């Protein structure tokens, strides 16, 4: 049985991760930056909503 690290999906993930720059700790994340990061990491579709929206409370 092949090792986990040898699986094609895992290899593809690590290739993509290697291309992403590590964000400095002082960076403020916004929806555009997070969306671009998610898309670059392979998410086909991503969206964000404001955490204060009344529609998502209890």
N, C-alpha and C. Protein backbone atom coordinates (compact mmCIF):
# COMPACT_ATOMS: atom_id res chain seq x y z
N UNK A 1 0.85 -1.19 0.00
CA UNK A 1 0.00 0.00 0.00
C UNK A 1 0.89 1.24 0.00
N UNK A 2 0.62 2.21 -0.90
CA UNK A 2 1.46 3.41 -0.96
C UNK A 2 1.29 4.29 0.29
N UNK A 3 2.34 5.01 0.57
CA UNK A 3 2.28 5.92 1.70
C UNK A 3 1.37 7.10 1.35
N UNK A 4 0.82 7.71 2.40
CA UNK A 4 -0.07 8.86 2.24
C UNK A 4 0.60 9.97 1.44
N UNK A 5 1.86 10.27 1.75
CA UNK A 5 2.59 11.36 1.08
C UNK A 5 2.83 11.10 -0.40
N UNK A 6 2.63 9.86 -0.84
CA UNK A 6 2.86 9.52 -2.24
C UNK A 6 1.58 9.57 -3.08
N UNK A 7 0.45 9.83 -2.43
CA UNK A 7 -0.82 9.88 -3.15
C UNK A 7 -0.82 11.11 -4.07
N UNK A 8 -1.32 10.97 -5.30
CA UNK A 8 -1.31 12.09 -6.25
C UNK A 8 -2.00 13.36 -5.73
N UNK A 9 -3.09 13.20 -5.01
CA UNK A 9 -3.79 14.36 -4.47
C UNK A 9 -2.95 15.08 -3.43
N UNK A 10 -2.27 14.31 -2.59
CA UNK A 10 -1.41 14.91 -1.56
C UNK A 10 -0.24 15.62 -2.22
N UNK A 11 0.36 15.00 -3.22
CA UNK A 11 1.46 15.63 -3.95
C UNK A 11 1.01 16.95 -4.59
N UNK A 12 -0.17 16.94 -5.19
CA UNK A 12 -0.71 18.14 -5.83
C UNK A 12 -0.93 19.24 -4.80
N UNK A 13 -1.46 18.88 -3.64
CA UNK A 13 -1.69 19.86 -2.58
C UNK A 13 -0.38 20.51 -2.16
N UNK A 14 0.64 19.72 -1.93
CA UNK A 14 1.92 20.28 -1.47
C UNK A 14 2.59 21.13 -2.54
N UNK A 15 2.37 20.81 -3.82
CA UNK A 15 2.89 21.67 -4.88
C UNK A 15 2.23 23.04 -4.84
N UNK A 16 0.91 23.04 -4.62
CA UNK A 16 0.18 24.31 -4.54
C UNK A 16 0.58 25.10 -3.31
N UNK A 17 0.75 24.43 -2.20
CA UNK A 17 1.15 25.12 -0.96
C UNK A 17 2.51 25.77 -1.12
N UNK A 18 3.40 25.12 -1.82
CA UNK A 18 4.75 25.66 -2.01
C UNK A 18 4.72 26.96 -2.81
N UNK A 19 3.69 27.15 -3.64
CA UNK A 19 3.59 28.35 -4.46
C UNK A 19 3.00 29.54 -3.71
N UNK A 20 2.34 29.29 -2.59
CA UNK A 20 1.67 30.35 -1.84
C UNK A 20 2.67 30.99 -0.88
N UNK A 21 2.76 32.31 -0.96
CA UNK A 21 3.62 33.03 -0.03
C UNK A 21 2.98 33.02 1.35
N UNK A 22 3.81 32.88 2.36
CA UNK A 22 3.32 32.95 3.74
C UNK A 22 3.03 34.40 4.06
N UNK A 23 1.87 34.63 4.62
CA UNK A 23 1.47 36.00 4.95
C UNK A 23 2.20 36.47 6.20
N UNK A 24 2.68 37.69 6.20
CA UNK A 24 3.29 38.22 7.42
C UNK A 24 2.24 38.32 8.52
N UNK A 25 2.68 38.22 9.76
CA UNK A 25 1.75 38.24 10.88
C UNK A 25 1.00 39.56 11.00
N UNK A 26 1.52 40.62 10.45
CA UNK A 26 0.88 41.92 10.56
C UNK A 26 -0.14 42.19 9.46
N UNK A 27 -0.32 41.24 8.55
CA UNK A 27 -1.26 41.42 7.47
C UNK A 27 -2.70 41.36 7.98
N UNK A 28 -3.51 42.31 7.55
CA UNK A 28 -4.93 42.27 7.84
C UNK A 28 -5.60 41.49 6.72
N UNK A 29 -6.34 40.49 7.09
CA UNK A 29 -7.02 39.67 6.09
C UNK A 29 -8.35 40.30 5.73
N UNK A 30 -8.63 40.36 4.46
CA UNK A 30 -9.94 40.83 4.02
C UNK A 30 -10.54 39.78 3.09
N UNK A 31 -11.78 39.98 2.72
CA UNK A 31 -12.49 38.98 1.92
C UNK A 31 -11.79 38.72 0.59
N UNK A 32 -11.28 39.75 -0.05
CA UNK A 32 -10.62 39.57 -1.34
C UNK A 32 -9.36 38.73 -1.19
N UNK A 33 -8.55 39.03 -0.19
CA UNK A 33 -7.32 38.27 0.05
C UNK A 33 -7.65 36.82 0.39
N UNK A 34 -8.62 36.60 1.25
CA UNK A 34 -9.00 35.23 1.63
C UNK A 34 -9.58 34.47 0.44
N UNK A 35 -10.40 35.15 -0.36
CA UNK A 35 -10.99 34.50 -1.53
C UNK A 35 -9.89 34.08 -2.51
N UNK A 36 -8.96 34.98 -2.78
CA UNK A 36 -7.86 34.66 -3.69
C UNK A 36 -7.03 33.49 -3.16
N UNK A 37 -6.78 33.48 -1.87
CA UNK A 37 -6.01 32.39 -1.26
C UNK A 37 -6.75 31.06 -1.40
N UNK A 38 -8.06 31.07 -1.12
CA UNK A 38 -8.85 29.84 -1.25
C UNK A 38 -8.88 29.34 -2.69
N UNK A 39 -9.06 30.26 -3.64
CA UNK A 39 -9.08 29.86 -5.05
C UNK A 39 -7.72 29.33 -5.48
N UNK A 40 -6.66 29.95 -5.01
CA UNK A 40 -5.31 29.49 -5.35
C UNK A 40 -5.04 28.10 -4.77
N UNK A 41 -5.66 27.78 -3.65
CA UNK A 41 -5.46 26.49 -3.02
C UNK A 41 -6.37 25.41 -3.59
N UNK A 42 -7.22 25.79 -4.56
CA UNK A 42 -8.00 24.77 -5.25
C UNK A 42 -9.50 24.80 -5.01
N UNK A 43 -9.99 25.73 -4.20
CA UNK A 43 -11.44 25.82 -4.02
C UNK A 43 -12.06 26.35 -5.31
N UNK A 44 -13.09 25.68 -5.80
CA UNK A 44 -13.72 26.11 -7.05
C UNK A 44 -14.60 27.34 -6.85
N UNK A 45 -15.18 27.45 -5.67
CA UNK A 45 -16.09 28.55 -5.39
C UNK A 45 -15.98 28.86 -3.90
N UNK A 46 -15.92 30.12 -3.57
CA UNK A 46 -15.81 30.50 -2.17
C UNK A 46 -16.50 31.83 -1.98
N UNK A 47 -17.11 32.01 -0.84
CA UNK A 47 -17.76 33.27 -0.53
C UNK A 47 -17.70 33.53 0.96
N UNK A 48 -17.88 34.76 1.34
CA UNK A 48 -17.82 35.15 2.74
C UNK A 48 -19.02 36.02 3.07
N UNK A 49 -19.44 35.94 4.32
CA UNK A 49 -20.50 36.81 4.79
C UNK A 49 -20.03 37.49 6.06
N UNK A 50 -20.63 38.61 6.36
CA UNK A 50 -20.29 39.36 7.56
C UNK A 50 -20.80 38.59 8.78
N UNK A 51 -19.95 38.41 9.76
CA UNK A 51 -20.32 37.64 10.95
C UNK A 51 -21.42 38.30 11.76
N UNK A 52 -21.63 39.59 11.56
CA UNK A 52 -22.65 40.33 12.29
C UNK A 52 -24.02 40.30 11.61
N UNK A 53 -24.17 39.55 10.54
CA UNK A 53 -25.47 39.50 9.85
C UNK A 53 -26.54 38.90 10.74
N UNK A 54 -27.67 39.56 10.87
CA UNK A 54 -28.73 39.04 11.73
C UNK A 54 -29.27 37.69 11.25
N UNK A 55 -29.15 37.39 9.97
CA UNK A 55 -29.68 36.13 9.44
C UNK A 55 -28.95 34.90 9.98
N UNK A 56 -27.74 35.08 10.50
CA UNK A 56 -27.00 33.90 10.97
C UNK A 56 -26.95 33.80 12.49
N UNK A 57 -27.71 34.62 13.17
CA UNK A 57 -27.77 34.50 14.63
C UNK A 57 -28.70 33.36 15.00
N UNK A 58 -28.55 32.86 16.18
CA UNK A 58 -29.36 31.73 16.70
C UNK A 58 -30.51 31.48 15.81
